[in-house]
All heavy atoms as atom14 arrays in JSON, in Angstrom:
{
  "sequence": "AKTAKKGSQKTKKEETKKKPVPRRRPLMSKPVDDVYLTWYYERPSYG",
  "atom14_mask": [
    [1, 1, 1, 1, 1, 0, 0, 0, 0, 0, 0, 0, 0, 0],
    [1, 1, 1, 1, 1, 1, 1, 1, 1, 0, 0, 0, 0, 0],
    [1, 1, 1, 1, 1, 1, 1, 0, 0, 0, 0, 0, 0, 0],
    [1, 1, 1, 1, 1, 0, 0, 0, 0, 0, 0, 0, 0, 0],
    [1, 1, 1, 1, 1, 1, 1, 1, 1, 0, 0, 0, 0, 0],
    [1, 1, 1, 1, 1, 1, 1, 1, 1, 0, 0, 0, 0, 0],
    [1, 1, 1, 1, 0, 0, 0, 0, 0, 0, 0, 0, 0, 0],
    [1, 1, 1, 1, 1, 1, 0, 0, 0, 0, 0, 0, 0, 0],
    [1, 1, 1, 1, 1, 1, 1, 1, 1, 0, 0, 0, 0, 0],
    [1, 1, 1, 1, 1, 1, 1, 1, 1, 0, 0, 0, 0, 0],
    [1, 1, 1, 1, 1, 1, 1, 0, 0, 0, 0, 0, 0, 0],
    [1, 1, 1, 1, 1, 1, 1, 1, 1, 0, 0, 0, 0, 0],
    [1, 1, 1, 1, 1, 1, 1, 1, 1, 0, 0, 0, 0, 0],
    [1, 1, 1, 1, 1, 1, 1, 1, 1, 0, 0, 0, 0, 0],
    [1, 1, 1, 1, 1, 1, 1, 1, 1, 0, 0, 0, 0, 0],
    [1, 1, 1, 1, 1, 1, 1, 0, 0, 0, 0, 0, 0, 0],
    [1, 1, 1, 1, 1, 1, 1, 1, 1, 0, 0, 0, 0, 0],
    [1, 1, 1, 1, 1, 1, 1, 1, 1, 0, 0, 0, 0, 0],
    [1, 1, 1, 1, 1, 1, 1, 1, 1, 0, 0, 0, 0, 0],
    [1, 1, 1, 1, 1, 1, 1, 0, 0, 0, 0, 0, 0, 0],
    [1, 1, 1, 1, 1, 1, 1, 0, 0, 0, 0, 0, 0, 0],
    [1, 1, 1, 1, 1, 1, 1, 0, 0, 0, 0, 0, 0, 0],
    [1, 1, 1, 1, 1, 1, 1, 1, 1, 1, 1, 0, 0, 0],
    [1, 1, 1, 1, 1, 1, 1, 1, 1, 1, 1, 0, 0, 0],
    [1, 1, 1, 1, 1, 1, 1, 1, 1, 1, 1, 0, 0, 0],
    [1, 1, 1, 1, 1, 1, 1, 0, 0, 0, 0, 0, 0, 0],
    [1, 1, 1, 1, 1, 1, 1, 1, 0, 0, 0, 0, 0, 0],
    [1, 1, 1, 1, 1, 1, 1, 1, 0, 0, 0, 0, 0, 0],
    [1, 1, 1, 1, 1, 1, 0, 0, 0, 0, 0, 0, 0, 0],
    [1, 1, 1, 1, 1, 1, 1, 1, 1, 0, 0, 0, 0, 0],
    [1, 1, 1, 1, 1, 1, 1, 0, 0, 0, 0, 0, 0, 0],
    [1, 1, 1, 1, 1, 1, 1, 0, 0, 0, 0, 0, 0, 0],
    [1, 1, 1, 1, 1, 1, 1, 1, 0, 0, 0, 0, 0, 0],
    [1, 1, 1, 1, 1, 1, 1, 1, 0, 0, 0, 0, 0, 0],
    [1, 1, 1, 1, 1, 1, 1, 0, 0, 0, 0, 0, 0, 0],
    [1, 1, 1, 1, 1, 1, 1, 1, 1, 1, 1, 1, 0, 0],
    [1, 1, 1, 1, 1, 1, 1, 1, 0, 0, 0, 0, 0, 0],
    [1, 1, 1, 1, 1, 1, 1, 0, 0, 0, 0, 0, 0, 0],
    [1, 1, 1, 1, 1, 1, 1, 1, 1, 1, 1, 1, 1, 1],
    [1, 1, 1, 1, 1, 1, 1, 1, 1, 1, 1, 1, 0, 0],
    [1, 1, 1, 1, 1, 1, 1, 1, 1, 1, 1, 1, 0, 0],
    [1, 1, 1, 1, 1, 1, 1, 1, 1, 0, 0, 0, 0, 0],
    [1, 1, 1, 1, 1, 1, 1, 1, 1, 1, 1, 0, 0, 0],
    [1, 1, 1, 1, 1, 1, 1, 0, 0, 0, 0, 0, 0, 0],
    [1, 1, 1, 1, 1, 1, 0, 0, 0, 0, 0, 0, 0, 0],
    [1, 1, 1, 1, 1, 1, 1, 1, 1, 1, 1, 1, 0, 0],
    [1, 1, 1, 1, 0, 0, 0, 0, 0, 0, 0, 0, 0, 0]
  ],
  "atom14_positions": [
    [[3.82, -41.68, 31.28], [3.96, -40.28, 31.7], [5.28, -40.07, 32.41], [5.96, -39.07, 32.23], [2.79, -39.88, 32.6], [0.0, 0.0, 0.0], [0.0, 0.0, 0.0], [0.0, 0.0, 0.0], [0.0, 0.0, 0.0], [0.0, 0.0, 0.0], [0.0, 0.0, 0.0], [0.0, 0.0, 0.0], [0.0, 0.0, 0.0], [0.0, 0.0, 0.0]],
    [[5.68, -41.03, 33.27], [6.95, -40.93, 33.99], [8.13, -40.91, 33.04], [9.05, -40.12, 33.17], [7.09, -42.1, 34.97], [6.22, -41.96, 36.2], [6.45, -43.12, 37.15], [5.54, -43.0, 38.38], [5.74, -44.13, 39.31], [0.0, 0.0, 0.0], [0.0, 0.0, 0.0], [0.0, 0.0, 0.0], [0.0, 0.0, 0.0], [0.0, 0.0, 0.0]],
    [[8.11, -41.77, 32.08], [9.21, -41.8, 31.11], [9.26, -40.5, 30.33], [10.33, -39.99, 30.0], [9.05, -42.98, 30.16], [7.73, -42.92, 29.57], [9.22, -44.31, 30.89], [0.0, 0.0, 0.0], [0.0, 0.0, 0.0], [0.0, 0.0, 0.0], [0.0, 0.0, 0.0], [0.0, 0.0, 0.0], [0.0, 0.0, 0.0], [0.0, 0.0, 0.0]],
    [[8.06, -39.95, 30.06], [8.03, -38.67, 29.33], [8.64, -37.56, 30.17], [9.38, -36.72, 29.68], [6.58, -38.33, 28.96], [0.0, 0.0, 0.0], [0.0, 0.0, 0.0], [0.0, 0.0, 0.0], [0.0, 0.0, 0.0], [0.0, 0.0, 0.0], [0.0, 0.0, 0.0], [0.0, 0.0, 0.0], [0.0, 0.0, 0.0], [0.0, 0.0, 0.0]],
    [[8.34, -37.56, 31.5], [8.9, -36.55, 32.4], [10.41, -36.66, 32.45], [11.13, -35.68, 32.41], [8.3, -36.7, 33.8], [6.89, -36.16, 33.91], [6.37, -36.28, 35.34], [4.94, -35.76, 35.44], [4.43, -35.89, 36.83], [0.0, 0.0, 0.0], [0.0, 0.0, 0.0], [0.0, 0.0, 0.0], [0.0, 0.0, 0.0], [0.0, 0.0, 0.0]],
    [[10.91, -37.9, 32.59], [12.35, -38.1, 32.64], [13.02, -37.59, 31.37], [14.05, -36.94, 31.39], [12.67, -39.58, 32.85], [12.39, -40.07, 34.25], [12.76, -41.54, 34.39], [12.49, -42.03, 35.81], [12.82, -43.47, 35.96], [0.0, 0.0, 0.0], [0.0, 0.0, 0.0], [0.0, 0.0, 0.0], [0.0, 0.0, 0.0], [0.0, 0.0, 0.0]],
    [[12.37, -37.91, 30.26], [12.92, -37.47, 28.99], [12.94, -35.95, 28.87], [13.89, -35.37, 28.38], [0.0, 0.0, 0.0], [0.0, 0.0, 0.0], [0.0, 0.0, 0.0], [0.0, 0.0, 0.0], [0.0, 0.0, 0.0], [0.0, 0.0, 0.0], [0.0, 0.0, 0.0], [0.0, 0.0, 0.0], [0.0, 0.0, 0.0], [0.0, 0.0, 0.0]],
    [[11.87, -35.29, 29.38], [11.81, -33.83, 29.31], [12.88, -33.2, 30.18], [13.48, -32.18, 29.83], [10.43, -33.33, 29.73], [10.16, -33.7, 31.08], [0.0, 0.0, 0.0], [0.0, 0.0, 0.0], [0.0, 0.0, 0.0], [0.0, 0.0, 0.0], [0.0, 0.0, 0.0], [0.0, 0.0, 0.0], [0.0, 0.0, 0.0], [0.0, 0.0, 0.0]],
    [[13.16, -33.81, 31.37], [14.21, -33.29, 32.25], [15.58, -33.38, 31.58], [16.4, -32.47, 31.65], [14.22, -34.05, 33.56], [13.04, -33.7, 34.47], [13.04, -34.51, 35.74], [13.93, -35.35, 35.94], [12.07, -34.27, 36.6], [0.0, 0.0, 0.0], [0.0, 0.0, 0.0], [0.0, 0.0, 0.0], [0.0, 0.0, 0.0], [0.0, 0.0, 0.0]],
    [[15.83, -34.5, 30.91], [17.11, -34.67, 30.22], [17.27, -33.64, 29.11], [18.34, -33.06, 28.94], [17.2, -36.08, 29.64], [17.43, -37.15, 30.69], [17.53, -38.52, 30.05], [17.76, -39.61, 31.11], [17.84, -40.95, 30.48], [0.0, 0.0, 0.0], [0.0, 0.0, 0.0], [0.0, 0.0, 0.0], [0.0, 0.0, 0.0], [0.0, 0.0, 0.0]],
    [[16.19, -33.44, 28.37], [16.27, -32.47, 27.27], [16.52, -31.06, 27.8], [17.27, -30.28, 27.21], [14.97, -32.49, 26.45], [13.85, -32.32, 27.33], [14.83, -33.8, 25.69], [0.0, 0.0, 0.0], [0.0, 0.0, 0.0], [0.0, 0.0, 0.0], [0.0, 0.0, 0.0], [0.0, 0.0, 0.0], [0.0, 0.0, 0.0], [0.0, 0.0, 0.0]],
    [[15.9, -30.71, 28.98], [16.12, -29.39, 29.56], [17.58, -29.22, 29.98], [18.19, -28.17, 29.77], [15.21, -29.21, 30.78], [13.77, -28.91, 30.41], [12.91, -28.71, 31.65], [11.47, -28.43, 31.28], [10.62, -28.26, 32.48], [0.0, 0.0, 0.0], [0.0, 0.0, 0.0], [0.0, 0.0, 0.0], [0.0, 0.0, 0.0], [0.0, 0.0, 0.0]],
    [[18.15, -30.27, 30.61], [19.55, -30.21, 31.02], [20.47, -30.04, 29.81], [21.43, -29.28, 29.84], [19.93, -31.47, 31.8], [19.34, -31.53, 33.19], [19.76, -32.79, 33.91], [19.17, -32.84, 35.31], [19.55, -34.09, 36.01], [0.0, 0.0, 0.0], [0.0, 0.0, 0.0], [0.0, 0.0, 0.0], [0.0, 0.0, 0.0], [0.0, 0.0, 0.0]],
    [[20.16, -30.78, 28.74], [20.98, -30.67, 27.53], [20.89, -29.27, 26.94], [21.88, -28.71, 26.47], [20.52, -31.71, 26.5], [20.9, -33.13, 26.9], [20.33, -34.16, 25.93], [19.62, -33.71, 24.98], [20.57, -35.36, 26.11], [0.0, 0.0, 0.0], [0.0, 0.0, 0.0], [0.0, 0.0, 0.0], [0.0, 0.0, 0.0], [0.0, 0.0, 0.0]],
    [[19.68, -28.67, 27.0], [19.51, -27.32, 26.46], [20.31, -26.3, 27.26], [20.92, -25.39, 26.71], [18.03, -26.95, 26.45], [17.23, -27.69, 25.38], [15.76, -27.36, 25.44], [15.39, -26.54, 26.31], [14.99, -27.9, 24.64], [0.0, 0.0, 0.0], [0.0, 0.0, 0.0], [0.0, 0.0, 0.0], [0.0, 0.0, 0.0], [0.0, 0.0, 0.0]],
    [[20.27, -26.45, 28.6], [21.02, -25.51, 29.44], [22.52, -25.64, 29.23], [23.26, -24.67, 29.31], [20.7, -25.75, 30.93], [20.89, -27.14, 31.24], [19.26, -25.36, 31.24], [0.0, 0.0, 0.0], [0.0, 0.0, 0.0], [0.0, 0.0, 0.0], [0.0, 0.0, 0.0], [0.0, 0.0, 0.0], [0.0, 0.0, 0.0], [0.0, 0.0, 0.0]],
    [[22.98, -26.88, 29.0], [24.4, -27.08, 28.73], [24.82, -26.42, 27.41], [25.91, -25.89, 27.28], [24.73, -28.57, 28.68], [24.73, -29.23, 30.04], [25.07, -30.71, 29.91], [25.09, -31.38, 31.28], [25.4, -32.83, 31.19], [0.0, 0.0, 0.0], [0.0, 0.0, 0.0], [0.0, 0.0, 0.0], [0.0, 0.0, 0.0], [0.0, 0.0, 0.0]],
    [[23.94, -26.47, 26.43], [24.28, -25.93, 25.13], [24.31, -24.41, 25.13], [24.98, -23.8, 24.3], [23.27, -26.43, 24.1], [23.39, -27.92, 23.77], [22.33, -28.34, 22.79], [22.43, -29.85, 22.5], [21.36, -30.27, 21.57], [0.0, 0.0, 0.0], [0.0, 0.0, 0.0], [0.0, 0.0, 0.0], [0.0, 0.0, 0.0], [0.0, 0.0, 0.0]],
    [[23.57, -23.74, 26.08], [23.51, -22.29, 26.1], [24.89, -21.71, 26.4], [25.55, -22.14, 27.34], [22.5, -21.8, 27.14], [21.06, -22.0, 26.72], [20.12, -21.47, 27.76], [18.66, -21.68, 27.35], [17.73, -21.17, 28.39], [0.0, 0.0, 0.0], [0.0, 0.0, 0.0], [0.0, 0.0, 0.0], [0.0, 0.0, 0.0], [0.0, 0.0, 0.0]],
    [[25.33, -20.71, 25.68], [26.64, -20.1, 25.95], [26.61, -19.26, 27.23], [25.66, -18.54, 27.49], [26.88, -19.23, 24.71], [25.51, -18.91, 24.2], [24.66, -20.12, 24.52], [0.0, 0.0, 0.0], [0.0, 0.0, 0.0], [0.0, 0.0, 0.0], [0.0, 0.0, 0.0], [0.0, 0.0, 0.0], [0.0, 0.0, 0.0], [0.0, 0.0, 0.0]],
    [[27.66, -19.39, 28.04], [27.75, -18.62, 29.29], [28.18, -17.2, 28.95], [29.2, -17.0, 28.27], [28.78, -19.27, 30.25], [28.88, -18.46, 31.53], [28.37, -20.71, 30.53], [0.0, 0.0, 0.0], [0.0, 0.0, 0.0], [0.0, 0.0, 0.0], [0.0, 0.0, 0.0], [0.0, 0.0, 0.0], [0.0, 0.0, 0.0], [0.0, 0.0, 0.0]],
    [[27.42, -16.17, 29.39], [27.79, -14.79, 29.06], [29.1, -14.39, 29.73], [29.34, -14.68, 30.9], [26.62, -13.96, 29.61], [26.01, -14.82, 30.67], [26.22, -16.23, 30.23], [0.0, 0.0, 0.0], [0.0, 0.0, 0.0], [0.0, 0.0, 0.0], [0.0, 0.0, 0.0], [0.0, 0.0, 0.0], [0.0, 0.0, 0.0], [0.0, 0.0, 0.0]],
    [[29.95, -13.72, 29.01], [31.23, -13.28, 29.54], [31.07, -11.98, 30.32], [30.33, -11.1, 29.91], [32.23, -13.05, 28.4], [32.81, -14.32, 27.84], [33.92, -13.98, 26.86], [34.59, -15.18, 26.38], [35.63, -15.15, 25.57], [36.1, -13.98, 25.15], [36.21, -16.28, 25.18], [0.0, 0.0, 0.0], [0.0, 0.0, 0.0], [0.0, 0.0, 0.0]],
    [[31.77, -11.9, 31.45], [31.75, -10.68, 32.24], [32.89, -9.76, 31.8], [34.0, -10.23, 31.55], [31.89, -10.99, 33.73], [30.67, -11.7, 34.31], [30.85, -11.95, 35.78], [29.67, -12.58, 36.36], [29.57, -12.94, 37.63], [30.6, -12.77, 38.44], [28.45, -13.48, 38.08], [0.0, 0.0, 0.0], [0.0, 0.0, 0.0], [0.0, 0.0, 0.0]],
    [[32.58, -8.51, 31.76], [33.6, -7.55, 31.37], [34.66, -7.44, 32.45], [34.35, -7.51, 33.64], [32.97, -6.19, 31.13], [32.03, -6.15, 29.93], [31.46, -4.77, 29.73], [30.57, -4.73, 28.59], [29.93, -3.62, 28.2], [30.1, -2.5, 28.87], [29.14, -3.66, 27.14], [0.0, 0.0, 0.0], [0.0, 0.0, 0.0], [0.0, 0.0, 0.0]],
    [[35.9, -7.27, 32.07], [36.94, -7.11, 33.11], [36.73, -5.84, 33.93], [36.39, -4.79, 33.38], [38.24, -7.02, 32.28], [37.79, -6.59, 30.91], [36.42, -7.19, 30.73], [0.0, 0.0, 0.0], [0.0, 0.0, 0.0], [0.0, 0.0, 0.0], [0.0, 0.0, 0.0], [0.0, 0.0, 0.0], [0.0, 0.0, 0.0], [0.0, 0.0, 0.0]],
    [[36.92, -5.97, 35.24], [36.69, -4.84, 36.14], [37.91, -3.94, 36.17], [39.05, -4.38, 36.02], [36.39, -5.35, 37.55], [35.13, -6.21, 37.68], [35.05, -6.78, 39.08], [33.89, -5.4, 37.38], [0.0, 0.0, 0.0], [0.0, 0.0, 0.0], [0.0, 0.0, 0.0], [0.0, 0.0, 0.0], [0.0, 0.0, 0.0], [0.0, 0.0, 0.0]],
    [[37.65, -2.66, 36.42], [38.75, -1.72, 36.58], [39.42, -1.93, 37.93], [38.85, -2.51, 38.85], [38.22, -0.28, 36.48], [37.54, 0.03, 35.15], [36.95, 1.72, 35.11], [36.11, 1.71, 33.52], [0.0, 0.0, 0.0], [0.0, 0.0, 0.0], [0.0, 0.0, 0.0], [0.0, 0.0, 0.0], [0.0, 0.0, 0.0], [0.0, 0.0, 0.0]],
    [[40.63, -1.45, 38.04], [41.36, -1.62, 39.3], [40.72, -0.85, 40.44], [40.74, -1.26, 41.59], [42.82, -1.19, 39.14], [42.87, 0.17, 38.72], [0.0, 0.0, 0.0], [0.0, 0.0, 0.0], [0.0, 0.0, 0.0], [0.0, 0.0, 0.0], [0.0, 0.0, 0.0], [0.0, 0.0, 0.0], [0.0, 0.0, 0.0], [0.0, 0.0, 0.0]],
    [[40.1, 0.31, 40.14], [39.44, 1.12, 41.16], [38.08, 1.55, 40.64], [37.9, 1.78, 39.44], [40.29, 2.36, 41.48], [41.59, 2.05, 42.2], [42.33, 3.34, 42.53], [43.63, 3.05, 43.26], [44.38, 4.29, 43.59], [0.0, 0.0, 0.0], [0.0, 0.0, 0.0], [0.0, 0.0, 0.0], [0.0, 0.0, 0.0], [0.0, 0.0, 0.0]],
    [[37.09, 1.69, 41.54], [35.78, 2.17, 41.08], [35.86, 3.62, 40.62], [36.66, 4.41, 41.12], [34.9, 2.03, 42.34], [35.85, 2.0, 43.48], [37.1, 1.37, 42.97], [0.0, 0.0, 0.0], [0.0, 0.0, 0.0], [0.0, 0.0, 0.0], [0.0, 0.0, 0.0], [0.0, 0.0, 0.0], [0.0, 0.0, 0.0], [0.0, 0.0, 0.0]],
    [[35.02, 3.95, 39.65], [35.05, 5.3, 39.08], [34.51, 6.32, 40.06], [35.02, 7.42, 40.21], [34.26, 5.33, 37.76], [34.23, 6.74, 37.18], [34.87, 4.36, 36.76], [0.0, 0.0, 0.0], [0.0, 0.0, 0.0], [0.0, 0.0, 0.0], [0.0, 0.0, 0.0], [0.0, 0.0, 0.0], [0.0, 0.0, 0.0], [0.0, 0.0, 0.0]],
    [[33.42, 5.98, 40.77], [32.81, 6.91, 41.71], [32.52, 6.18, 43.01], [33.08, 5.1, 43.28], [31.54, 7.52, 41.12], [30.62, 6.43, 40.56], [30.73, 5.29, 41.04], [29.82, 6.72, 39.66], [0.0, 0.0, 0.0], [0.0, 0.0, 0.0], [0.0, 0.0, 0.0], [0.0, 0.0, 0.0], [0.0, 0.0, 0.0], [0.0, 0.0, 0.0]],
    [[31.65, 6.76, 43.85], [31.36, 6.16, 45.15], [30.16, 5.22, 45.11], [29.61, 4.88, 46.15], [31.14, 7.26, 46.2], [30.0, 8.19, 45.81], [29.51, 8.07, 44.68], [29.62, 9.04, 46.63], [0.0, 0.0, 0.0], [0.0, 0.0, 0.0], [0.0, 0.0, 0.0], [0.0, 0.0, 0.0], [0.0, 0.0, 0.0], [0.0, 0.0, 0.0]],
    [[29.74, 4.8, 43.92], [28.67, 3.81, 43.78], [29.25, 2.62, 43.03], [29.59, 2.72, 41.86], [27.46, 4.39, 43.02], [26.37, 3.33, 42.88], [26.93, 5.63, 43.71], [0.0, 0.0, 0.0], [0.0, 0.0, 0.0], [0.0, 0.0, 0.0], [0.0, 0.0, 0.0], [0.0, 0.0, 0.0], [0.0, 0.0, 0.0], [0.0, 0.0, 0.0]],
    [[29.37, 1.48, 43.73], [30.0, 0.32, 43.12], [29.56, -0.94, 43.86], [28.97, -0.86, 44.93], [31.53, 0.45, 43.16], [32.1, 0.72, 44.53], [32.43, -0.32, 45.4], [32.27, 2.02, 44.97], [32.92, -0.07, 46.65], [32.78, 2.28, 46.24], [33.1, 1.24, 47.07], [33.58, 1.5, 48.33], [0.0, 0.0, 0.0], [0.0, 0.0, 0.0]],
    [[29.86, -2.09, 43.28], [29.5, -3.37, 43.87], [30.55, -3.74, 44.92], [31.72, -3.92, 44.6], [29.42, -4.44, 42.79], [28.4, -4.18, 41.67], [28.49, -5.26, 40.6], [26.99, -4.11, 42.23], [0.0, 0.0, 0.0], [0.0, 0.0, 0.0], [0.0, 0.0, 0.0], [0.0, 0.0, 0.0], [0.0, 0.0, 0.0], [0.0, 0.0, 0.0]],
    [[30.12, -3.88, 46.15], [31.06, -4.13, 47.24], [31.71, -5.5, 47.16], [32.78, -5.7, 47.74], [30.35, -3.99, 48.6], [29.21, -4.87, 48.62], [29.89, -2.56, 48.82], [0.0, 0.0, 0.0], [0.0, 0.0, 0.0], [0.0, 0.0, 0.0], [0.0, 0.0, 0.0], [0.0, 0.0, 0.0], [0.0, 0.0, 0.0], [0.0, 0.0, 0.0]],
    [[31.08, -6.46, 46.47], [31.7, -7.79, 46.38], [32.72, -7.87, 45.24], [33.37, -8.88, 45.06], [30.65, -8.89, 46.24], [29.69, -8.7, 45.11], [29.85, -9.08, 43.83], [28.41, -8.08, 45.19], [28.75, -8.75, 43.07], [27.85, -8.14, 43.88], [27.66, -7.5, 46.21], [26.57, -7.62, 43.59], [26.41, -6.99, 45.92], [25.89, -7.05, 44.63]],
    [[32.84, -6.82, 44.45], [33.86, -6.76, 43.41], [35.06, -5.91, 43.82], [36.18, -6.16, 43.4], [33.26, -6.19, 42.12], [32.43, -7.18, 41.33], [31.29, -6.77, 40.65], [32.77, -8.52, 41.28], [30.52, -7.67, 39.92], [32.01, -9.43, 40.57], [30.88, -9.01, 39.89], [30.13, -9.91, 39.18], [0.0, 0.0, 0.0], [0.0, 0.0, 0.0]],
    [[34.82, -4.89, 44.6], [35.88, -3.95, 44.97], [36.09, -3.93, 46.47], [35.14, -4.07, 47.25], [35.54, -2.53, 44.5], [35.42, -2.39, 43.01], [34.18, -2.37, 42.4], [36.56, -2.25, 42.23], [34.07, -2.23, 41.02], [36.46, -2.11, 40.86], [35.21, -2.1, 40.26], [35.11, -1.96, 38.91], [0.0, 0.0, 0.0], [0.0, 0.0, 0.0]],
    [[37.31, -3.72, 46.88], [37.59, -3.58, 48.3], [37.11, -2.22, 48.78], [37.13, -1.23, 48.04], [39.1, -3.71, 48.56], [39.64, -5.11, 48.31], [41.11, -5.2, 48.67], [41.66, -4.19, 49.16], [41.7, -6.26, 48.45], [0.0, 0.0, 0.0], [0.0, 0.0, 0.0], [0.0, 0.0, 0.0], [0.0, 0.0, 0.0], [0.0, 0.0, 0.0]],
    [[36.7, -2.19, 50.06], [36.25, -0.93, 50.63], [37.43, 0.03, 50.75], [38.47, -0.35, 51.3], [35.63, -1.18, 52.01], [34.92, 0.02, 52.58], [34.19, -0.36, 53.84], [33.48, 0.78, 54.4], [32.71, 0.73, 55.47], [32.56, -0.43, 56.11], [32.1, 1.79, 55.93], [0.0, 0.0, 0.0], [0.0, 0.0, 0.0], [0.0, 0.0, 0.0]],
    [[37.32, 1.27, 50.26], [38.47, 2.17, 50.32], [38.79, 2.6, 51.74], [37.9, 2.71, 52.59], [38.02, 3.37, 49.47], [36.53, 3.34, 49.53], [36.16, 1.89, 49.61], [0.0, 0.0, 0.0], [0.0, 0.0, 0.0], [0.0, 0.0, 0.0], [0.0, 0.0, 0.0], [0.0, 0.0, 0.0], [0.0, 0.0, 0.0], [0.0, 0.0, 0.0]],
    [[40.05, 2.84, 52.01], [40.48, 3.33, 53.32], [41.23, 4.63, 53.13], [41.87, 4.85, 52.09], [41.38, 2.29, 54.01], [42.51, 2.02, 53.21], [0.0, 0.0, 0.0], [0.0, 0.0, 0.0], [0.0, 0.0, 0.0], [0.0, 0.0, 0.0], [0.0, 0.0, 0.0], [0.0, 0.0, 0.0], [0.0, 0.0, 0.0], [0.0, 0.0, 0.0]],
    [[41.16, 5.48, 54.13], [41.75, 6.81, 54.04], [42.62, 7.08, 55.26], [42.43, 6.5, 56.32], [40.64, 7.88, 53.96], [39.64, 7.64, 52.86], [38.45, 6.96, 53.12], [39.87, 8.07, 51.56], [37.53, 6.73, 52.13], [38.94, 7.85, 50.55], [37.78, 7.18, 50.84], [36.86, 6.94, 49.85], [0.0, 0.0, 0.0], [0.0, 0.0, 0.0]],
    [[43.56, 7.99, 55.1], [44.38, 8.42, 56.22], [43.57, 9.3, 57.16], [42.46, 9.75, 56.83], [0.0, 0.0, 0.0], [0.0, 0.0, 0.0], [0.0, 0.0, 0.0], [0.0, 0.0, 0.0], [0.0, 0.0, 0.0], [0.0, 0.0, 0.0], [0.0, 0.0, 0.0], [0.0, 0.0, 0.0], [0.0, 0.0, 0.0], [0.0, 0.0, 0.0]]
  ]
}
């Protein structure tokens, strides 16, 4: 059973490696509106 578990873990790792990583779309230089992801865009500042 132990050897079977080890083998299943290896196969899972191999499967995850084979999966293609999804590409992220390039972000715009400025957010379109006032709803946006704060970790992608800098907080706007005003005079």
